[in-house]
Protein backbone atom coordinates (compact mmCIF):
# COMPACT_ATOMS: atom_id res chain seq x y z
CA UNK A 1 -7.50 74.21 -0.50
CA UNK A 2 -5.49 74.05 2.73
CA UNK A 3 -1.80 74.86 2.22
CA UNK A 4 0.52 71.92 2.72
CA UNK A 5 2.88 71.94 5.70
CA UNK A 6 6.54 71.92 4.67
CA UNK A 7 8.55 69.24 6.44
CA UNK A 8 12.14 68.11 5.93
CA UNK A 9 13.50 64.71 6.91
CA UNK A 10 16.74 62.76 6.51
CA UNK A 11 16.85 59.90 4.02
CA UNK A 12 15.31 58.88 0.72
CA UNK A 13 11.60 59.05 0.00
CA UNK A 14 10.02 56.07 1.72
CA UNK A 15 12.31 56.17 4.76
CA UNK A 16 10.81 55.59 8.19
CA UNK A 17 11.31 59.31 8.82
CA UNK A 18 9.18 60.01 5.73
CA UNK A 19 6.55 57.63 7.10
CA UNK A 20 6.60 59.53 10.41
CA UNK A 21 6.06 62.82 8.51
CA UNK A 22 2.91 61.41 6.91
CA UNK A 23 1.65 60.02 10.22
CA UNK A 24 1.99 63.40 11.94
CA UNK A 25 1.06 65.65 9.00
CA UNK A 26 -1.18 63.91 6.42
CA UNK A 27 -1.29 67.11 4.34
CA UNK A 28 2.47 67.52 3.97
CA UNK A 29 5.04 68.64 1.43
CA UNK A 30 7.96 66.43 2.45
CA UNK A 31 11.53 67.27 1.45
CA UNK A 32 14.17 64.54 1.59
CA UNK A 33 17.64 65.58 2.84
CA UNK A 34 20.80 63.52 2.48
CA UNK A 35 22.03 64.23 6.03
CA UNK A 36 20.57 65.25 9.39
CA UNK A 37 22.62 68.44 9.27
CA UNK A 38 21.13 69.39 5.90
CA UNK A 39 17.64 69.05 7.40
CA UNK A 40 18.57 71.20 10.41
CA UNK A 41 20.09 73.86 8.14
CA UNK A 42 16.97 73.97 5.97
CA UNK A 43 14.71 74.57 8.99
CA UNK A 44 17.08 77.14 10.48
CA UNK A 45 17.27 79.15 7.25
CA UNK A 46 13.60 78.78 6.25
CA UNK A 47 11.07 79.52 8.97
CA UNK A 48 8.23 77.90 6.99
CA UNK A 49 9.93 74.51 7.35
CA UNK A 50 9.76 72.09 10.24
CA UNK A 51 11.83 68.93 10.55
CA UNK A 52 10.91 65.42 11.69
CA UNK A 53 14.03 63.91 13.24
CA UNK A 54 14.57 60.53 14.98
CA UNK A 55 15.99 60.94 18.46
CA UNK A 56 16.06 57.38 19.79
CA UNK A 57 14.99 53.81 19.05
CA UNK A 58 13.69 51.26 21.54
CA UNK A 59 16.15 48.60 20.32
CA UNK A 60 19.15 50.55 19.02
CA UNK A 61 19.26 53.45 21.51
CA UNK A 62 19.85 57.09 20.68
CA UNK A 63 20.50 58.31 17.16
CA UNK A 64 24.08 59.49 16.65
CA UNK A 65 24.83 63.23 16.27
CA UNK A 66 21.31 64.52 17.02
CA UNK A 67 22.28 65.68 20.53
CA UNK A 68 25.04 67.79 18.97
CA UNK A 69 22.90 69.23 16.19
CA UNK A 70 20.03 70.37 18.44
CA UNK A 71 22.06 72.95 20.43
CA UNK A 72 24.11 73.89 17.36
CA UNK A 73 21.09 74.95 15.28
CA UNK A 74 18.94 76.15 18.20
CA UNK A 75 15.67 74.76 16.86
CA UNK A 76 12.80 74.22 19.29
CA UNK A 77 10.98 70.96 19.92
CA UNK A 78 7.30 71.44 19.01
CA UNK A 79 6.10 67.86 19.51
CA UNK A 80 7.16 64.24 19.86
CA UNK A 81 5.97 61.24 17.87
CA UNK A 82 6.45 57.51 18.44
CA UNK A 83 6.58 55.50 15.21
CA UNK A 84 6.22 51.72 15.08
CA UNK A 85 8.92 50.24 12.83
CA UNK A 86 7.70 47.34 10.71
CA UNK A 87 10.34 45.76 8.50
CA UNK A 88 9.32 44.15 5.21
CA UNK A 89 11.21 42.12 2.62
CA UNK A 90 10.73 43.83 -0.74
CA UNK A 91 11.45 42.53 -4.23
CA UNK A 92 10.87 43.74 -7.76
CA UNK A 93 7.53 43.09 -9.44
CA UNK A 94 7.19 39.44 -10.45
CA UNK A 95 9.75 38.15 -7.95
CA UNK A 96 8.97 35.46 -5.39
CA UNK A 97 10.43 34.68 -1.99
CA UNK A 98 12.34 31.72 -3.49
CA UNK A 99 14.09 34.06 -5.97
CA UNK A 100 15.79 36.21 -3.32
CA UNK A 101 19.47 35.44 -2.67
CA UNK A 102 20.78 38.75 -1.30
CA UNK A 103 19.10 41.36 0.87
CA UNK A 104 20.29 44.93 1.30
CA UNK A 105 19.39 47.54 3.89
CA UNK A 106 20.73 49.76 6.65
CA UNK A 107 22.92 47.87 9.13
CA UNK A 108 20.38 48.31 11.95
CA UNK A 109 17.51 46.93 9.85
CA UNK A 110 19.61 43.92 8.84
CA UNK A 111 20.52 43.33 12.47
CA UNK A 112 16.89 43.59 13.57
CA UNK A 113 15.85 40.93 11.03
CA UNK A 114 18.82 38.62 11.52
CA UNK A 115 16.76 35.50 12.33
CA UNK A 116 14.68 35.88 9.17
CA UNK A 117 17.82 36.42 7.09
CA UNK A 118 19.53 33.38 8.62
CA UNK A 119 16.49 31.10 8.35
CA UNK A 120 16.16 31.94 4.65
CA UNK A 121 19.92 31.67 3.99
CA UNK A 122 20.11 35.18 2.54
CA UNK A 123 23.33 37.14 2.05
CA UNK A 124 23.24 40.56 3.77
CA UNK A 125 24.46 43.67 1.97
CA UNK A 126 24.90 46.75 4.15
CA UNK A 127 23.68 49.98 2.56
CA UNK A 128 23.28 53.61 3.65
CA UNK A 129 19.56 53.40 4.42
CA UNK A 130 16.39 51.34 4.06
CA UNK A 131 14.53 53.40 1.46
CA UNK A 132 17.73 53.87 -0.56
CA UNK A 133 18.01 50.07 -0.71
CA UNK A 134 14.45 49.83 -2.02
CA UNK A 135 15.23 52.45 -4.65
CA UNK A 136 18.40 50.55 -5.65
CA UNK A 137 16.69 47.21 -6.30
CA UNK A 138 13.85 48.93 -8.17
CA UNK A 139 16.40 50.45 -10.55
CA UNK A 140 18.62 47.34 -10.77
CA UNK A 141 15.69 45.03 -11.64
CA UNK A 142 17.37 41.81 -10.45
CA UNK A 143 14.91 39.21 -9.12
CA UNK A 144 17.57 37.77 -6.81
CA UNK A 145 17.93 41.05 -4.89
CA UNK A 146 15.69 42.02 -1.99
CA UNK A 147 15.57 45.00 0.34
CA UNK A 148 14.35 45.50 3.89
CA UNK A 149 12.28 48.67 4.09
CA UNK A 150 8.86 50.14 4.85
CA UNK A 151 5.52 49.58 3.12
CA UNK A 152 5.75 53.21 2.01
CA UNK A 153 9.02 52.46 0.19
CA UNK A 154 7.35 49.51 -1.57
CA UNK A 155 4.58 51.81 -2.77
CA UNK A 156 6.89 54.62 -3.91
CA UNK A 157 9.32 52.35 -5.81
CA UNK A 158 6.67 49.94 -7.17
CA UNK A 159 7.99 46.86 -5.37
CA UNK A 160 6.39 43.65 -4.12
CA UNK A 161 6.11 43.01 -0.38
CA UNK A 162 7.33 39.42 -0.25
CA UNK A 163 7.14 39.11 3.54
CA UNK A 164 5.80 41.52 6.17
CA UNK A 165 6.89 42.08 9.77
CA UNK A 166 10.19 40.21 9.50
CA UNK A 167 11.79 41.90 12.52
CA UNK A 168 13.15 39.53 15.20
CA UNK A 169 11.44 41.41 18.03
CA UNK A 170 8.14 43.22 18.21
CA UNK A 171 8.07 46.55 19.99
CA UNK A 172 10.53 48.25 17.64
CA UNK A 173 9.59 51.91 18.06
CA UNK A 174 11.42 55.12 17.11
CA UNK A 175 10.82 58.39 18.92
CA UNK A 176 10.85 61.47 16.67
CA UNK A 177 10.99 65.19 17.38
CA UNK A 178 9.08 67.72 15.30
CA UNK A 179 11.24 70.86 15.43
CA UNK A 180 11.27 74.38 14.04
CA UNK A 181 12.37 77.97 14.71
CA UNK A 182 9.17 79.01 16.49
CA UNK A 183 9.76 78.93 20.27
CA UNK A 184 6.12 79.38 21.34
CA UNK A 185 5.06 76.99 24.11
CA UNK A 186 1.62 75.32 24.29
CA UNK A 187 -0.91 76.74 26.72
CA UNK A 188 -0.60 75.26 30.23
CA UNK A 189 -3.73 73.14 30.85
CA UNK A 190 -4.47 69.84 32.60
CA UNK A 191 -2.81 67.85 29.79
CA UNK A 192 0.46 65.93 30.21
CA UNK A 193 3.57 67.79 29.06
CA UNK A 194 7.28 67.21 28.57
CA UNK A 195 9.93 69.92 29.00
CA UNK A 196 13.30 69.10 27.43
CA UNK A 197 16.62 70.75 28.33
CA UNK A 198 20.35 70.53 27.74
CA UNK A 199 22.75 71.74 30.43
CA UNK A 200 26.44 71.86 31.24
CA UNK A 201 27.46 71.57 34.90
CA UNK A 202 29.89 73.72 36.79
CA UNK A 203 33.16 71.92 37.45
CA UNK A 204 32.67 71.25 41.16
CA UNK A 205 32.43 68.03 43.21
CA UNK A 206 29.02 66.34 43.30
CA UNK A 207 27.62 68.90 40.84
CA UNK A 208 25.15 66.48 39.22
CA UNK A 209 23.85 65.29 42.60
CA UNK A 210 23.29 68.88 43.69
CA UNK A 211 21.80 69.94 40.35
CA UNK A 212 19.15 67.21 40.40
CA UNK A 213 18.22 67.67 44.04
CA UNK A 214 15.67 70.36 43.23
CA UNK A 215 13.59 67.94 41.18
CA UNK A 216 13.33 65.53 44.12
CA UNK A 217 12.58 68.33 46.59
CA UNK A 218 9.77 69.70 44.42
CA UNK A 219 8.31 66.31 43.44
CA UNK A 220 9.13 66.65 39.74
CA UNK A 221 9.83 63.48 37.75
CA UNK A 222 12.65 63.10 35.23
CA UNK A 223 11.75 60.58 32.54
CA UNK A 224 15.10 60.78 30.77
CA UNK A 225 18.67 61.75 31.70
CA UNK A 226 21.54 61.28 29.27
CA UNK A 227 25.12 62.49 29.17
CA UNK A 228 27.12 63.09 26.01
CA UNK A 229 30.65 64.39 25.68
CA UNK A 230 31.45 67.88 24.45
CA UNK A 231 33.03 67.46 21.02
CA UNK A 232 36.83 67.16 20.93
CA UNK A 233 37.10 66.62 24.70
CA UNK A 234 37.07 63.68 27.10
CA UNK A 235 36.66 65.58 30.35
CA UNK A 236 33.55 67.71 29.65
CA UNK A 237 29.98 66.49 29.22
CA UNK A 238 26.58 67.95 28.53
CA UNK A 239 23.38 66.46 29.92
CA UNK A 240 20.06 66.05 28.16
CA UNK A 241 16.89 65.71 30.28
CA UNK A 242 13.19 65.15 29.66
CA UNK A 243 11.06 66.42 32.53
CA UNK A 244 7.43 65.56 33.15
CA UNK A 245 5.58 68.86 33.32
CA UNK A 246 5.04 72.28 31.76
CA UNK A 247 7.56 75.07 32.25
CA UNK A 248 4.79 77.29 33.68
CA UNK A 249 4.19 74.82 36.53
CA UNK A 250 5.56 76.36 39.74
CA UNK A 251 7.19 73.11 40.92
CA UNK A 252 9.05 72.73 37.65
CA UNK A 253 10.11 76.39 37.71
CA UNK A 254 11.59 75.95 41.19
CA UNK A 255 13.40 72.80 40.03
CA UNK A 256 14.91 74.59 37.03
CA UNK A 257 15.92 77.53 39.23
CA UNK A 258 17.81 75.11 41.50
CA UNK A 259 19.35 73.43 38.46
CA UNK A 260 20.55 76.81 37.20
CA UNK A 261 22.62 77.40 40.35
CA UNK A 262 24.81 74.43 39.46
CA UNK A 263 25.17 74.85 35.70
CA UNK A 264 27.37 76.90 33.41
CA UNK A 265 24.73 76.78 30.70
CA UNK A 266 21.06 75.73 30.60
CA UNK A 267 19.01 75.68 27.38
CA UNK A 268 15.29 74.93 27.22
CA UNK A 269 14.81 72.92 24.03
CA UNK A 270 11.04 72.84 24.07
CA UNK A 271 7.77 72.32 25.93
CA UNK A 272 5.28 70.00 24.24
CA UNK A 273 2.39 67.64 24.88
CA UNK A 274 3.40 64.14 25.95
CA UNK A 275 2.52 61.66 23.19
CA UNK A 276 -0.22 59.12 23.95
CA UNK A 277 2.26 56.26 23.39
CA UNK A 278 3.88 57.09 26.75
CA UNK A 279 0.70 56.01 28.52
CA UNK A 280 -0.04 52.93 26.43
CA UNK A 281 -0.52 49.85 28.59
CA UNK A 282 2.29 47.35 28.12
């Protein structure tokens, strides 16, 4: 029998991160962690573990703290995964839609289903996470309480799905990183790749303009550029970039060499195959 892959994620069993683990690794031993930092620590201290971590959401933007934890724990990005988020109204067994008076979930999930909540005159209760809300109502056994969570959470906590796909907008997608200690890069072939980096600029005028010039000169595309402040300061920032291409490509190497001239620090976070979702026709 094939040995199960050990994956850690943040949240309760049934969280969207847990769902992403199962999508990427069907044969998985998934470990739930109470915080993102706990998951990073587990992978740093145990080389057999990988982590599946949300990095950004198409509606809510980037996930807080992840940009600080990645350089702190020095894990490498092995792959990316795009997970469709489908919100469901869950209730205990035997409950009906008409029974539900209050609905609990993470603040973002409640916000993303606001029209449904308003139309059904439900009272929102903000909780720590979606799957934790499902677990709560399963233990409380009150027919008037509902939770917004995944189908996986309904299955794990033996709940009814009273209404599926209750999100206000379709196209709710979360991008995840699969990370671990192994820094081996995939072989450079004719596939599409992403190289991700974090850098800190030298304190000189027009440093960012100069630093990015090499990408334009060498015809290399940046598909993401984000700044985030260095902790405990207001006048220093780090930059996170996703670059289209493999680090062994000569054009990308020249671009990174030029970038290095203008930075105090440059860390390669990973080289990995671009996920098919990037090329999905809108």
